C-alpha cells in the first residue's frame, strides 16, 4: 500500500520528507508515485503497486519550477 511505497521510496532517496503519494498508471503499470523533499532536492519515485520494485527514480532541485 501507500505506506510501504513511502518506506521503499524513502530508502531509495536516502531519507527526506514525503510530500505526496498518488496511485497512478505508468506505461500501463499500476504504480505509487511518491514525491520526497530532502534538503533542496526533490525526488520523484515510482514504486510498482504489485511487487514494490522501484520503476523510476528522478531528482531535481526543489526550487525549480516546471
N, C-alpha and C. Protein backbone atom coordinates (compact mmCIF):
# COMPACT_ATOMS: atom_id res chain seq x y z
N UNK A 1 0.81 -1.20 0.00
CA UNK A 1 0.00 0.00 0.00
C UNK A 1 0.85 1.25 0.00
N UNK A 2 0.22 2.40 0.12
CA UNK A 2 0.96 3.66 0.07
C UNK A 2 1.99 3.80 1.18
N UNK A 3 1.69 3.27 2.36
CA UNK A 3 2.65 3.35 3.48
C UNK A 3 3.95 2.64 3.12
N UNK A 4 3.84 1.42 2.61
CA UNK A 4 5.01 0.64 2.23
C UNK A 4 5.74 1.29 1.06
N UNK A 5 4.99 1.82 0.10
CA UNK A 5 5.62 2.51 -1.04
C UNK A 5 6.43 3.70 -0.54
N UNK A 6 5.90 4.41 0.44
CA UNK A 6 6.63 5.54 1.02
C UNK A 6 7.93 5.10 1.67
N UNK A 7 7.89 3.97 2.37
CA UNK A 7 9.10 3.45 3.02
C UNK A 7 10.15 3.07 1.98
N UNK A 8 9.70 2.40 0.90
CA UNK A 8 10.61 1.99 -0.17
C UNK A 8 11.23 3.22 -0.83
N UNK A 9 10.39 4.22 -1.11
CA UNK A 9 10.87 5.43 -1.77
C UNK A 9 11.83 6.20 -0.88
N UNK A 10 11.54 6.28 0.43
CA UNK A 10 12.44 6.97 1.35
C UNK A 10 13.80 6.28 1.40
N UNK A 11 13.80 4.95 1.39
CA UNK A 11 15.06 4.21 1.40
C UNK A 11 15.85 4.51 0.13
N UNK A 12 15.16 4.56 -1.02
CA UNK A 12 15.83 4.84 -2.29
C UNK A 12 16.40 6.25 -2.32
N UNK A 13 15.64 7.21 -1.75
CA UNK A 13 16.07 8.61 -1.76
C UNK A 13 17.13 8.89 -0.70
N UNK A 14 17.29 7.97 0.23
CA UNK A 14 18.25 8.20 1.31
C UNK A 14 17.70 9.10 2.40
N UNK A 15 16.38 9.12 2.54
CA UNK A 15 15.76 9.92 3.59
C UNK A 15 15.08 11.15 3.02
N UNK A 16 14.43 11.89 3.90
CA UNK A 16 13.72 13.09 3.49
C UNK A 16 12.31 13.09 4.03
N UNK A 17 11.47 13.93 3.45
CA UNK A 17 10.09 14.10 3.89
C UNK A 17 9.17 13.84 2.71
N UNK A 18 8.23 12.90 2.89
CA UNK A 18 7.27 12.60 1.83
C UNK A 18 6.28 13.76 1.73
N UNK A 19 6.13 14.29 0.52
CA UNK A 19 5.19 15.38 0.32
C UNK A 19 3.93 14.93 -0.40
N UNK A 20 4.00 13.77 -1.09
CA UNK A 20 2.83 13.31 -1.84
C UNK A 20 2.99 11.85 -2.22
N UNK A 21 1.90 11.10 -2.11
CA UNK A 21 1.85 9.72 -2.63
C UNK A 21 0.55 9.60 -3.41
N UNK A 22 0.65 9.22 -4.69
CA UNK A 22 -0.53 9.08 -5.53
C UNK A 22 -0.50 7.74 -6.24
N UNK A 23 -1.68 7.15 -6.40
CA UNK A 23 -1.82 5.95 -7.22
C UNK A 23 -1.95 6.40 -8.67
N UNK A 24 -1.07 5.90 -9.54
CA UNK A 24 -1.06 6.30 -10.93
C UNK A 24 -0.81 5.10 -11.82
N UNK A 25 -0.92 5.33 -13.13
CA UNK A 25 -0.56 4.34 -14.13
C UNK A 25 0.65 4.87 -14.90
N UNK A 26 1.71 4.10 -14.99
CA UNK A 26 2.89 4.47 -15.78
C UNK A 26 3.12 3.38 -16.79
N UNK A 27 3.01 3.72 -18.07
CA UNK A 27 3.21 2.74 -19.14
C UNK A 27 2.35 1.50 -18.93
N UNK A 28 1.11 1.72 -18.49
CA UNK A 28 0.15 0.64 -18.31
C UNK A 28 0.32 -0.16 -17.03
N UNK A 29 1.28 0.23 -16.18
CA UNK A 29 1.50 -0.49 -14.93
C UNK A 29 1.02 0.35 -13.76
N UNK A 30 0.37 -0.27 -12.77
CA UNK A 30 -0.07 0.49 -11.60
C UNK A 30 1.12 0.79 -10.68
N UNK A 31 1.30 2.07 -10.37
CA UNK A 31 2.42 2.47 -9.51
C UNK A 31 1.92 3.42 -8.43
N UNK A 32 2.71 3.50 -7.36
CA UNK A 32 2.58 4.59 -6.39
C UNK A 32 3.63 5.62 -6.80
N UNK A 33 3.20 6.83 -7.06
CA UNK A 33 4.11 7.92 -7.38
C UNK A 33 4.37 8.68 -6.08
N UNK A 34 5.63 8.65 -5.64
CA UNK A 34 5.99 9.23 -4.34
C UNK A 34 6.90 10.43 -4.57
N UNK A 35 6.56 11.56 -3.97
CA UNK A 35 7.41 12.74 -4.01
C UNK A 35 8.02 12.94 -2.63
N UNK A 36 9.34 13.13 -2.61
CA UNK A 36 10.08 13.31 -1.36
C UNK A 36 10.95 14.55 -1.49
N UNK A 37 10.98 15.36 -0.45
CA UNK A 37 11.89 16.50 -0.41
C UNK A 37 12.94 16.23 0.65
N UNK A 38 14.20 16.36 0.22
CA UNK A 38 15.32 16.18 1.14
C UNK A 38 16.26 17.37 0.93
N UNK A 39 16.26 18.28 1.90
CA UNK A 39 17.05 19.49 1.72
C UNK A 39 16.51 20.28 0.55
N UNK A 40 17.37 20.59 -0.43
CA UNK A 40 16.90 21.35 -1.60
C UNK A 40 16.72 20.45 -2.82
N UNK A 41 16.56 19.14 -2.58
CA UNK A 41 16.37 18.19 -3.67
C UNK A 41 15.00 17.54 -3.56
N UNK A 42 14.30 17.49 -4.70
CA UNK A 42 13.00 16.80 -4.76
C UNK A 42 13.20 15.50 -5.53
N UNK A 43 12.75 14.41 -4.94
CA UNK A 43 12.82 13.09 -5.55
C UNK A 43 11.43 12.69 -6.03
N UNK A 44 11.34 12.22 -7.26
CA UNK A 44 10.10 11.64 -7.79
C UNK A 44 10.37 10.17 -8.03
N UNK A 45 9.70 9.31 -7.28
CA UNK A 45 9.98 7.88 -7.33
C UNK A 45 8.68 7.12 -7.59
N UNK A 46 8.71 6.24 -8.59
CA UNK A 46 7.56 5.38 -8.88
C UNK A 46 7.85 3.99 -8.34
N UNK A 47 6.93 3.48 -7.52
CA UNK A 47 7.05 2.16 -6.92
C UNK A 47 5.92 1.28 -7.47
N UNK A 48 6.28 0.13 -8.02
CA UNK A 48 5.30 -0.81 -8.58
C UNK A 48 4.32 -1.22 -7.48
N UNK A 49 3.01 -1.07 -7.74
CA UNK A 49 2.00 -1.40 -6.74
C UNK A 49 1.88 -2.90 -6.51
N UNK A 50 2.31 -3.70 -7.48
CA UNK A 50 2.20 -5.15 -7.34
C UNK A 50 3.34 -5.76 -6.54
N UNK A 51 4.59 -5.35 -6.86
CA UNK A 51 5.74 -6.04 -6.25
C UNK A 51 6.69 -5.14 -5.46
N UNK A 52 6.42 -3.83 -5.42
CA UNK A 52 7.25 -2.94 -4.62
C UNK A 52 8.56 -2.54 -5.27
N UNK A 53 8.77 -2.91 -6.54
CA UNK A 53 10.01 -2.55 -7.23
C UNK A 53 10.01 -1.06 -7.57
N UNK A 54 11.18 -0.43 -7.47
CA UNK A 54 11.31 0.96 -7.90
C UNK A 54 11.45 0.95 -9.42
N UNK A 55 10.50 1.57 -10.10
CA UNK A 55 10.49 1.58 -11.56
C UNK A 55 11.15 2.83 -12.13
N UNK A 56 11.12 3.92 -11.35
CA UNK A 56 11.69 5.18 -11.83
C UNK A 56 12.10 5.98 -10.60
N UNK A 57 13.26 6.60 -10.69
CA UNK A 57 13.70 7.49 -9.62
C UNK A 57 14.42 8.67 -10.25
N UNK A 58 13.85 9.84 -10.09
CA UNK A 58 14.44 11.05 -10.64
C UNK A 58 14.59 12.06 -9.51
N UNK A 59 15.53 12.97 -9.69
CA UNK A 59 15.66 14.03 -8.70
C UNK A 59 15.97 15.33 -9.39
N UNK A 60 15.56 16.42 -8.74
CA UNK A 60 15.81 17.76 -9.26
C UNK A 60 15.86 18.70 -8.07
N UNK A 61 16.39 19.89 -8.32
CA UNK A 61 16.40 20.89 -7.25
C UNK A 61 14.97 21.27 -6.91
N UNK A 62 14.65 21.33 -5.65
CA UNK A 62 13.27 21.56 -5.21
C UNK A 62 12.79 22.96 -5.59
N UNK A 63 13.70 23.90 -5.83
CA UNK A 63 13.27 25.25 -6.14
C UNK A 63 13.05 25.46 -7.64
N UNK A 64 13.23 24.43 -8.46
CA UNK A 64 12.95 24.52 -9.90
C UNK A 64 11.44 24.45 -10.12
N UNK A 65 10.92 25.36 -10.89
CA UNK A 65 9.50 25.31 -11.26
C UNK A 65 9.40 24.76 -12.66
N UNK A 66 8.62 23.68 -12.82
CA UNK A 66 8.45 23.12 -14.16
C UNK A 66 7.01 22.80 -14.45
